[in-house]
């Protein structure tokens, strides 16, 4: 079980590091857009759309990495006061009954959403907008696959805590 956890965590870490470069590219694109807009008094539609696409990709693809480090939004009113074993039970049950089903629904439905977009060659409806809107739509699927894999790692860690007699 530990080998699976290590593999999933390693993959999540590498994806997180790779995706972090999207933030750098996003900062550069926004900076260029601001300079062009305020110095030359115009902007490009494709540049604004790249900003939106990159932000969406960053948000979606980094969800597993965020989950790994437990930096996601959580209401800790009761959870913070629980023992490590009780937290593990909540994490395990939440993963089995909420995370896995939700990820499954989003992965399956977004896959068809992306495939349909690819088949019709969907592009931006804006004049001068970006082609290949399906790339962003496939990022929904990919992001939830990353979240699911990190969720499985977290649930396996919870199982280890539950069956460890020290807690």
C-alpha atoms as a PDB file:
ATOM      1  CA  UNK A   1       0.000   0.000   0.000  1.00  0.00           C
ATOM      2  CA  UNK A   2       2.852   2.378   0.827  1.00  0.00           C
ATOM      3  CA  UNK A   3       4.331   1.939  -2.653  1.00  0.00           C
ATOM      4  CA  UNK A   4       1.036   3.015  -4.219  1.00  0.00           C
ATOM      5  CA  UNK A   5       0.853   6.026  -1.897  1.00  0.00           C
ATOM      6  CA  UNK A   6       4.428   6.983  -2.731  1.00  0.00           C
ATOM      7  CA  UNK A   7       3.792   6.641  -6.465  1.00  0.00           C
ATOM      8  CA  UNK A   8       0.585   8.700  -6.386  1.00  0.00           C
ATOM      9  CA  UNK A   9       2.233  11.372  -4.220  1.00  0.00           C
ATOM     10  CA  UNK A  10       5.259  11.485  -6.521  1.00  0.00           C
ATOM     11  CA  UNK A  11       3.037  11.892  -9.580  1.00  0.00           C
ATOM     12  CA  UNK A  12       1.027  14.580  -7.803  1.00  0.00           C
ATOM     13  CA  UNK A  13       4.188  16.420  -6.826  1.00  0.00           C
ATOM     14  CA  UNK A  14       5.589  16.354 -10.365  1.00  0.00           C
ATOM     15  CA  UNK A  15       2.284  17.525 -11.836  1.00  0.00           C
ATOM     16  CA  UNK A  16       2.114  20.319  -9.269  1.00  0.00           C
ATOM     17  CA  UNK A  17       5.615  21.498 -10.120  1.00  0.00           C
ATOM     18  CA  UNK A  18       4.884  21.358 -13.831  1.00  0.00           C
ATOM     19  CA  UNK A  19       1.576  23.181 -13.473  1.00  0.00           C
ATOM     20  CA  UNK A  20       3.209  25.878 -11.338  1.00  0.00           C
ATOM     21  CA  UNK A  21       4.891  27.112 -14.519  1.00  0.00           C
ATOM     22  CA  UNK A  22       1.460  28.024 -15.837  1.00  0.00           C
ATOM     23  CA  UNK A  23       1.381  30.707 -13.122  1.00  0.00           C
ATOM     24  CA  UNK A  24       4.653  32.140 -14.447  1.00  0.00           C
ATOM     25  CA  UNK A  25       3.359  32.191 -18.017  1.00  0.00           C
ATOM     26  CA  UNK A  26       0.083  33.728 -16.806  1.00  0.00           C
ATOM     27  CA  UNK A  27       1.948  36.520 -14.982  1.00  0.00           C
ATOM     28  CA  UNK A  28       3.981  37.278 -18.117  1.00  0.00           C
ATOM     29  CA  UNK A  29       0.909  37.343 -20.366  1.00  0.00           C
ATOM     30  CA  UNK A  30      -1.002  39.598 -17.969  1.00  0.00           C
ATOM     31  CA  UNK A  31       1.986  41.940 -17.697  1.00  0.00           C
ATOM     32  CA  UNK A  32       2.272  42.181 -21.478  1.00  0.00           C
ATOM     33  CA  UNK A  33      -1.470  42.753 -21.770  1.00  0.00           C
ATOM     34  CA  UNK A  34      -1.348  45.576 -19.210  1.00  0.00           C
ATOM     35  CA  UNK A  35       1.618  47.217 -20.951  1.00  0.00           C
ATOM     36  CA  UNK A  36      -0.031  46.991 -24.365  1.00  0.00           C
ATOM     37  CA  UNK A  37      -3.352  48.239 -23.011  1.00  0.00           C
ATOM     38  CA  UNK A  38      -2.013  51.257 -21.130  1.00  0.00           C
ATOM     39  CA  UNK A  39       0.901  52.247 -23.364  1.00  0.00           C
ATOM     40  CA  UNK A  40      -0.628  51.557 -26.788  1.00  0.00           C
ATOM     41  CA  UNK A  41      -4.326  51.943 -25.816  1.00  0.00           C
ATOM     42  CA  UNK A  42      -5.559  48.635 -27.286  1.00  0.00           C
ATOM     43  CA  UNK A  43      -5.649  44.950 -26.515  1.00  0.00           C
ATOM     44  CA  UNK A  44      -6.013  41.670 -28.342  1.00  0.00           C
ATOM     45  CA  UNK A  45      -8.981  39.356 -27.809  1.00  0.00           C
ATOM     46  CA  UNK A  46      -6.716  36.312 -28.066  1.00  0.00           C
ATOM     47  CA  UNK A  47      -4.510  37.679 -25.290  1.00  0.00           C
ATOM     48  CA  UNK A  48      -7.455  38.086 -22.923  1.00  0.00           C
ATOM     49  CA  UNK A  49      -8.609  34.574 -23.781  1.00  0.00           C
ATOM     50  CA  UNK A  50      -5.122  33.160 -23.117  1.00  0.00           C
ATOM     51  CA  UNK A  51      -5.316  34.730 -19.660  1.00  0.00           C
ATOM     52  CA  UNK A  52      -8.672  33.069 -19.039  1.00  0.00           C
ATOM     53  CA  UNK A  53      -7.478  29.707 -20.403  1.00  0.00           C
ATOM     54  CA  UNK A  54      -4.280  29.744 -18.365  1.00  0.00           C
ATOM     55  CA  UNK A  55      -6.134  30.658 -15.181  1.00  0.00           C
ATOM     56  CA  UNK A  56      -8.635  27.857 -15.796  1.00  0.00           C
ATOM     57  CA  UNK A  57      -5.858  25.370 -16.485  1.00  0.00           C
ATOM     58  CA  UNK A  58      -3.971  26.449 -13.375  1.00  0.00           C
ATOM     59  CA  UNK A  59      -7.055  26.099 -11.208  1.00  0.00           C
ATOM     60  CA  UNK A  60      -8.084  22.733 -12.638  1.00  0.00           C
ATOM     61  CA  UNK A  61      -4.737  21.002 -13.047  1.00  0.00           C
ATOM     62  CA  UNK A  62      -3.414  22.061  -9.633  1.00  0.00           C
ATOM     63  CA  UNK A  63      -6.410  20.693  -7.714  1.00  0.00           C
ATOM     64  CA  UNK A  64      -4.695  17.381  -6.891  1.00  0.00           C
ATOM     65  CA  UNK A  65      -1.533  19.159  -5.751  1.00  0.00           C
ATOM     66  CA  UNK A  66      -3.621  21.484  -3.582  1.00  0.00           C
ATOM     67  CA  UNK A  67      -5.422  18.490  -2.094  1.00  0.00           C
ATOM     68  CA  UNK A  68      -2.115  16.756  -1.367  1.00  0.00           C
ATOM     69  CA  UNK A  69      -1.019  19.623   0.873  1.00  0.00           C
ATOM     70  CA  UNK A  70      -4.537  20.114   2.300  1.00  0.00           C
ATOM     71  CA  UNK A  71      -4.694  23.715   1.113  1.00  0.00           C
ATOM     72  CA  UNK A  72      -8.211  23.370  -0.243  1.00  0.00           C
ATOM     73  CA  UNK A  73     -11.166  25.088   1.391  1.00  0.00           C
ATOM     74  CA  UNK A  74     -12.475  23.154   4.352  1.00  0.00           C
ATOM     75  CA  UNK A  75     -14.743  24.049   7.253  1.00  0.00           C
ATOM     76  CA  UNK A  76     -12.734  22.922  10.272  1.00  0.00           C
ATOM     77  CA  UNK A  77     -15.159  23.816  13.058  1.00  0.00           C
ATOM     78  CA  UNK A  78     -15.387  20.225  14.327  1.00  0.00           C
ATOM     79  CA  UNK A  79     -12.696  18.479  12.282  1.00  0.00           C
ATOM     80  CA  UNK A  80      -9.783  20.365  13.878  1.00  0.00           C
ATOM     81  CA  UNK A  81     -10.731  19.139  17.354  1.00  0.00           C
ATOM     82  CA  UNK A  82     -10.895  15.446  16.432  1.00  0.00           C
ATOM     83  CA  UNK A  83      -8.236  12.825  17.057  1.00  0.00           C
ATOM     84  CA  UNK A  84      -6.032  11.699  14.171  1.00  0.00           C
ATOM     85  CA  UNK A  85      -7.953   8.428  13.885  1.00  0.00           C
ATOM     86  CA  UNK A  86     -11.348  10.161  13.726  1.00  0.00           C
ATOM     87  CA  UNK A  87     -10.040  12.571  11.111  1.00  0.00           C
ATOM     88  CA  UNK A  88      -8.861   9.560   9.128  1.00  0.00           C
ATOM     89  CA  UNK A  89     -12.357   8.036   9.311  1.00  0.00           C
ATOM     90  CA  UNK A  90     -13.932  11.270   8.084  1.00  0.00           C
ATOM     91  CA  UNK A  91     -11.369  11.560   5.279  1.00  0.00           C
ATOM     92  CA  UNK A  92     -11.899   7.949   4.241  1.00  0.00           C
ATOM     93  CA  UNK A  93     -15.699   8.100   4.295  1.00  0.00           C
ATOM     94  CA  UNK A  94     -15.717  11.495   2.610  1.00  0.00           C
ATOM     95  CA  UNK A  95     -13.449  10.137  -0.093  1.00  0.00           C
ATOM     96  CA  UNK A  96     -15.493   7.007  -0.679  1.00  0.00           C
ATOM     97  CA  UNK A  97     -18.951   8.601  -0.581  1.00  0.00           C
ATOM     98  CA  UNK A  98     -18.256  12.101  -1.897  1.00  0.00           C
ATOM     99  CA  UNK A  99     -14.909  12.512  -3.658  1.00  0.00           C
ATOM    100  CA  UNK A 100     -14.829   9.343  -5.766  1.00  0.00           C
ATOM    101  CA  UNK A 101     -18.438   9.595  -7.002  1.00  0.00           C
ATOM    102  CA  UNK A 102     -18.135  13.299  -7.756  1.00  0.00           C
ATOM    103  CA  UNK A 103     -14.834  12.840  -9.604  1.00  0.00           C
ATOM    104  CA  UNK A 104     -16.337   9.972 -11.585  1.00  0.00           C
ATOM    105  CA  UNK A 105     -19.331  12.057 -12.649  1.00  0.00           C
ATOM    106  CA  UNK A 106     -17.182  15.023 -13.679  1.00  0.00           C
ATOM    107  CA  UNK A 107     -14.564  12.883 -15.455  1.00  0.00           C
ATOM    108  CA  UNK A 108     -17.142  11.006 -17.527  1.00  0.00           C
ATOM    109  CA  UNK A 109     -19.302  14.007 -18.375  1.00  0.00           C
ATOM    110  CA  UNK A 110     -16.386  16.346 -19.093  1.00  0.00           C
ATOM    111  CA  UNK A 111     -14.744  13.728 -21.305  1.00  0.00           C
ATOM    112  CA  UNK A 112     -17.789  13.722 -23.587  1.00  0.00           C
ATOM    113  CA  UNK A 113     -17.923  17.517 -23.363  1.00  0.00           C
ATOM    114  CA  UNK A 114     -14.312  17.717 -24.577  1.00  0.00           C
ATOM    115  CA  UNK A 115     -14.739  15.048 -27.267  1.00  0.00           C
ATOM    116  CA  UNK A 116     -17.794  16.807 -28.690  1.00  0.00           C
ATOM    117  CA  UNK A 117     -15.892  20.102 -28.697  1.00  0.00           C
ATOM    118  CA  UNK A 118     -13.000  18.407 -30.523  1.00  0.00           C
ATOM    119  CA  UNK A 119     -15.261  16.752 -33.097  1.00  0.00           C
ATOM    120  CA  UNK A 120     -16.946  20.013 -34.055  1.00  0.00           C
ATOM    121  CA  UNK A 121     -13.636  21.911 -33.964  1.00  0.00           C
ATOM    122  CA  UNK A 122     -14.982  24.371 -31.428  1.00  0.00           C
ATOM    123  CA  UNK A 123     -13.170  27.662 -31.174  1.00  0.00           C
ATOM    124  CA  UNK A 124     -13.808  30.980 -29.511  1.00  0.00           C
ATOM    125  CA  UNK A 125     -17.006  32.713 -30.592  1.00  0.00           C
ATOM    126  CA  UNK A 126     -15.153  36.049 -30.419  1.00  0.00           C
ATOM    127  CA  UNK A 127     -13.642  37.498 -33.589  1.00  0.00           C
ATOM    128  CA  UNK A 128      -9.893  37.116 -33.228  1.00  0.00           C
ATOM    129  CA  UNK A 129     -10.329  34.592 -30.427  1.00  0.00           C
ATOM    130  CA  UNK A 130      -8.432  31.392 -29.879  1.00  0.00           C
ATOM    131  CA  UNK A 131      -9.030  28.136 -31.717  1.00  0.00           C
ATOM    132  CA  UNK A 132      -9.068  24.748 -29.992  1.00  0.00           C
ATOM    133  CA  UNK A 133     -11.427  25.458 -27.125  1.00  0.00           C
ATOM    134  CA  UNK A 134     -11.469  21.695 -26.540  1.00  0.00           C
ATOM    135  CA  UNK A 135      -8.009  21.878 -24.946  1.00  0.00           C
ATOM    136  CA  UNK A 136      -9.455  23.806 -22.026  1.00  0.00           C
ATOM    137  CA  UNK A 137     -12.423  21.444 -21.865  1.00  0.00           C
ATOM    138  CA  UNK A 138     -10.128  18.414 -21.685  1.00  0.00           C
ATOM    139  CA  UNK A 139      -8.324  20.119 -18.805  1.00  0.00           C
ATOM    140  CA  UNK A 140     -11.512  19.652 -16.778  1.00  0.00           C
ATOM    141  CA  UNK A 141     -11.196  15.899 -17.231  1.00  0.00           C
ATOM    142  CA  UNK A 142      -7.481  15.887 -16.556  1.00  0.00           C
ATOM    143  CA  UNK A 143      -7.811  18.065 -13.467  1.00  0.00           C
ATOM    144  CA  UNK A 144     -10.366  15.727 -11.931  1.00  0.00           C
ATOM    145  CA  UNK A 145      -8.219  12.700 -12.772  1.00  0.00           C
ATOM    146  CA  UNK A 146      -5.360  14.362 -10.866  1.00  0.00           C
ATOM    147  CA  UNK A 147      -7.701  15.178  -7.970  1.00  0.00           C
ATOM    148  CA  UNK A 148      -9.005  11.617  -7.893  1.00  0.00           C
ATOM    149  CA  UNK A 149      -5.520  10.085  -7.860  1.00  0.00           C
ATOM    150  CA  UNK A 150      -4.473  12.333  -4.989  1.00  0.00           C
ATOM    151  CA  UNK A 151      -7.732  11.555  -3.203  1.00  0.00           C
ATOM    152  CA  UNK A 152      -7.005   7.832  -3.480  1.00  0.00           C
ATOM    153  CA  UNK A 153      -3.568   8.428  -1.975  1.00  0.00           C
ATOM    154  CA  UNK A 154      -5.169  10.375   0.871  1.00  0.00           C
ATOM    155  CA  UNK A 155      -7.720   7.617   1.499  1.00  0.00           C
ATOM    156  CA  UNK A 156      -4.967   4.984   1.589  1.00  0.00           C
ATOM    157  CA  UNK A 157      -3.120   7.108   4.160  1.00  0.00           C
ATOM    158  CA  UNK A 158      -6.346   7.269   6.166  1.00  0.00           C
ATOM    159  CA  UNK A 159      -6.621   3.474   6.090  1.00  0.00           C
ATOM    160  CA  UNK A 160      -3.066   3.218   7.411  1.00  0.00           C
ATOM    161  CA  UNK A 161      -3.913   5.583  10.276  1.00  0.00           C
ATOM    162  CA  UNK A 162      -7.141   3.739  11.087  1.00  0.00           C
ATOM    163  CA  UNK A 163      -5.418   0.364  11.355  1.00  0.00           C
ATOM    164  CA  UNK A 164      -2.357   1.696  13.185  1.00  0.00           C
ATOM    165  CA  UNK A 165      -2.727   0.934  16.902  1.00  0.00           C
ATOM    166  CA  UNK A 166      -0.632   3.954  17.963  1.00  0.00           C
ATOM    167  CA  UNK A 167      -3.446   6.460  17.295  1.00  0.00           C
END
